[in-house]
């Protein structure tokens, strides 16, 4: 088994996707790189943020409940 070299991404839960989007894009300068439907609850989104070049460890995702 290979050793882990770092974290791929962190996932959190939000109740306000608009505020999360504004904070991560306008304040932290990250990009919304993907918006999926949450596979466990198709009425909610799974949002993916990362830096401009997709550096390892910069991916932060949110489930919007």
N, C-alpha and C. Protein backbone atom coordinates (compact mmCIF):
# COMPACT_ATOMS: atom_id res chain seq x y z
N UNK A 1 0.84 -1.17 0.00
CA UNK A 1 0.00 0.00 0.00
C UNK A 1 0.89 1.24 0.00
N UNK A 2 0.55 2.25 -0.81
CA UNK A 2 1.30 3.49 -0.90
C UNK A 2 0.97 4.40 0.27
N UNK A 3 1.96 5.16 0.69
CA UNK A 3 1.74 6.16 1.74
C UNK A 3 0.93 7.32 1.20
N UNK A 4 0.06 7.87 2.02
CA UNK A 4 -0.69 9.06 1.65
C UNK A 4 0.23 10.27 1.74
N UNK A 5 0.16 11.14 0.76
CA UNK A 5 1.04 12.30 0.71
C UNK A 5 0.33 13.60 1.08
N UNK A 6 -0.96 13.54 1.36
CA UNK A 6 -1.69 14.75 1.71
C UNK A 6 -3.19 14.53 1.60
N UNK A 7 -3.88 15.60 1.76
CA UNK A 7 -5.35 15.58 1.71
C UNK A 7 -5.79 15.94 0.30
N UNK A 8 -6.72 15.18 -0.25
CA UNK A 8 -7.27 15.50 -1.56
C UNK A 8 -8.27 16.64 -1.46
N UNK A 9 -9.23 16.51 -0.54
CA UNK A 9 -10.20 17.58 -0.34
C UNK A 9 -10.88 17.42 1.02
N UNK A 10 -11.53 18.48 1.42
CA UNK A 10 -12.31 18.50 2.66
C UNK A 10 -13.74 18.81 2.26
N UNK A 11 -14.70 18.12 2.88
CA UNK A 11 -16.12 18.36 2.59
C UNK A 11 -16.82 18.85 3.84
N UNK A 12 -17.67 19.86 3.66
CA UNK A 12 -18.45 20.42 4.76
C UNK A 12 -19.90 20.55 4.32
N UNK A 13 -20.74 20.96 5.25
CA UNK A 13 -22.16 21.16 4.97
C UNK A 13 -22.48 22.64 5.17
N UNK A 14 -23.31 23.18 4.28
CA UNK A 14 -23.73 24.57 4.39
C UNK A 14 -25.25 24.66 4.29
N UNK A 15 -25.78 25.73 4.82
CA UNK A 15 -27.22 25.97 4.67
C UNK A 15 -27.46 27.16 3.75
N UNK A 16 -26.39 27.74 3.20
CA UNK A 16 -26.53 28.91 2.34
C UNK A 16 -25.46 28.89 1.25
N UNK A 17 -25.77 28.25 0.14
CA UNK A 17 -24.81 28.11 -0.96
C UNK A 17 -24.38 29.46 -1.52
N UNK A 18 -25.28 30.43 -1.55
CA UNK A 18 -24.93 31.75 -2.08
C UNK A 18 -23.85 32.42 -1.23
N UNK A 19 -23.97 32.34 0.09
CA UNK A 19 -22.96 32.94 0.97
C UNK A 19 -21.63 32.20 0.87
N UNK A 20 -21.67 30.88 0.78
CA UNK A 20 -20.44 30.10 0.62
C UNK A 20 -19.77 30.48 -0.70
N UNK A 21 -20.55 30.57 -1.77
CA UNK A 21 -20.00 30.96 -3.08
C UNK A 21 -19.33 32.33 -2.99
N UNK A 22 -20.02 33.31 -2.43
CA UNK A 22 -19.46 34.66 -2.32
C UNK A 22 -18.18 34.68 -1.49
N UNK A 23 -18.16 33.96 -0.36
CA UNK A 23 -16.98 33.93 0.50
C UNK A 23 -15.79 33.29 -0.20
N UNK A 24 -15.99 32.11 -0.78
CA UNK A 24 -14.87 31.40 -1.39
C UNK A 24 -14.37 32.05 -2.67
N UNK A 25 -15.24 32.69 -3.43
CA UNK A 25 -14.79 33.32 -4.68
C UNK A 25 -14.34 34.76 -4.47
N UNK A 26 -15.12 35.56 -3.76
CA UNK A 26 -14.82 36.98 -3.65
C UNK A 26 -13.81 37.30 -2.55
N UNK A 27 -13.83 36.57 -1.45
CA UNK A 27 -12.92 36.87 -0.33
C UNK A 27 -11.65 36.03 -0.44
N UNK A 28 -11.79 34.72 -0.65
CA UNK A 28 -10.61 33.85 -0.70
C UNK A 28 -10.00 33.76 -2.10
N UNK A 29 -10.72 34.19 -3.13
CA UNK A 29 -10.19 34.17 -4.49
C UNK A 29 -10.15 32.80 -5.13
N UNK A 30 -10.94 31.88 -4.63
CA UNK A 30 -10.99 30.54 -5.22
C UNK A 30 -12.03 30.51 -6.34
N UNK A 31 -12.05 29.42 -7.08
CA UNK A 31 -13.01 29.27 -8.17
C UNK A 31 -14.00 28.17 -7.84
N UNK A 32 -15.23 28.33 -8.31
CA UNK A 32 -16.19 27.24 -8.29
C UNK A 32 -15.82 26.37 -9.50
N UNK A 33 -15.26 25.20 -9.26
CA UNK A 33 -14.78 24.37 -10.36
C UNK A 33 -15.77 23.30 -10.79
N UNK A 34 -16.75 23.03 -9.93
CA UNK A 34 -17.74 22.02 -10.30
C UNK A 34 -18.98 22.19 -9.43
N UNK A 35 -20.14 21.96 -10.03
CA UNK A 35 -21.40 21.95 -9.28
C UNK A 35 -22.16 20.71 -9.72
N UNK A 36 -22.31 19.78 -8.79
CA UNK A 36 -23.01 18.52 -9.05
C UNK A 36 -24.27 18.44 -8.22
N UNK A 37 -25.13 17.53 -8.60
CA UNK A 37 -26.25 17.16 -7.75
C UNK A 37 -25.70 16.20 -6.71
N UNK A 38 -26.10 16.36 -5.47
CA UNK A 38 -25.71 15.45 -4.40
C UNK A 38 -26.33 14.09 -4.69
N UNK A 39 -25.51 13.07 -4.83
CA UNK A 39 -26.00 11.73 -5.20
C UNK A 39 -26.87 11.10 -4.10
N UNK A 40 -26.69 11.52 -2.85
CA UNK A 40 -27.50 10.98 -1.76
C UNK A 40 -28.83 11.71 -1.58
N UNK A 41 -28.91 12.93 -2.09
CA UNK A 41 -30.14 13.74 -1.99
C UNK A 41 -30.18 14.64 -3.21
N UNK A 42 -30.84 14.20 -4.27
CA UNK A 42 -30.79 14.91 -5.55
C UNK A 42 -31.46 16.28 -5.55
N UNK A 43 -32.05 16.67 -4.42
CA UNK A 43 -32.64 18.02 -4.31
C UNK A 43 -31.61 19.03 -3.84
N UNK A 44 -30.39 18.59 -3.54
CA UNK A 44 -29.34 19.49 -3.06
C UNK A 44 -28.12 19.41 -3.97
N UNK A 45 -27.23 20.40 -3.84
CA UNK A 45 -26.02 20.47 -4.65
C UNK A 45 -24.80 20.03 -3.88
N UNK A 46 -23.78 19.62 -4.64
CA UNK A 46 -22.44 19.37 -4.13
C UNK A 46 -21.54 20.34 -4.88
N UNK A 47 -21.02 21.34 -4.16
CA UNK A 47 -20.23 22.41 -4.76
C UNK A 47 -18.74 22.17 -4.51
N UNK A 48 -17.91 22.41 -5.52
CA UNK A 48 -16.47 22.18 -5.44
C UNK A 48 -15.73 23.49 -5.70
N UNK A 49 -14.86 23.88 -4.78
CA UNK A 49 -14.03 25.07 -4.93
C UNK A 49 -12.57 24.66 -4.91
N UNK A 50 -11.72 25.38 -5.67
CA UNK A 50 -10.27 25.13 -5.67
C UNK A 50 -9.56 26.39 -6.15
N UNK A 51 -8.23 26.38 -6.09
CA UNK A 51 -7.49 27.53 -6.58
C UNK A 51 -7.51 27.53 -8.11
N UNK A 52 -6.88 28.53 -8.72
CA UNK A 52 -6.94 28.71 -10.18
C UNK A 52 -6.32 27.57 -10.98
N UNK A 53 -5.33 26.90 -10.41
CA UNK A 53 -4.64 25.86 -11.19
C UNK A 53 -4.91 24.44 -10.67
N UNK A 54 -5.81 24.32 -9.70
CA UNK A 54 -6.16 23.00 -9.18
C UNK A 54 -5.05 22.35 -8.37
N UNK A 55 -4.35 23.16 -7.60
CA UNK A 55 -3.25 22.63 -6.78
C UNK A 55 -3.76 21.57 -5.80
N UNK A 56 -3.00 20.50 -5.61
CA UNK A 56 -3.40 19.46 -4.66
C UNK A 56 -3.63 20.05 -3.27
N UNK A 57 -4.70 19.61 -2.64
CA UNK A 57 -5.00 20.06 -1.29
C UNK A 57 -5.80 21.34 -1.20
N UNK A 58 -6.12 21.96 -2.33
CA UNK A 58 -6.90 23.21 -2.28
C UNK A 58 -8.38 22.99 -2.50
N UNK A 59 -8.77 21.77 -2.81
CA UNK A 59 -10.17 21.46 -3.12
C UNK A 59 -11.01 21.42 -1.84
N UNK A 60 -12.05 22.25 -1.80
CA UNK A 60 -12.99 22.31 -0.67
C UNK A 60 -14.38 22.10 -1.26
N UNK A 61 -15.14 21.16 -0.71
CA UNK A 61 -16.46 20.90 -1.25
C UNK A 61 -17.53 21.10 -0.17
N UNK A 62 -18.74 21.39 -0.62
CA UNK A 62 -19.86 21.63 0.28
C UNK A 62 -21.10 20.92 -0.21
N UNK A 63 -21.83 20.30 0.72
CA UNK A 63 -23.18 19.85 0.48
C UNK A 63 -24.09 20.94 0.97
N UNK A 64 -25.03 21.36 0.13
CA UNK A 64 -25.94 22.46 0.46
C UNK A 64 -27.28 21.89 0.97
N UNK A 65 -27.48 21.93 2.28
CA UNK A 65 -28.72 21.45 2.88
C UNK A 65 -29.49 22.61 3.46
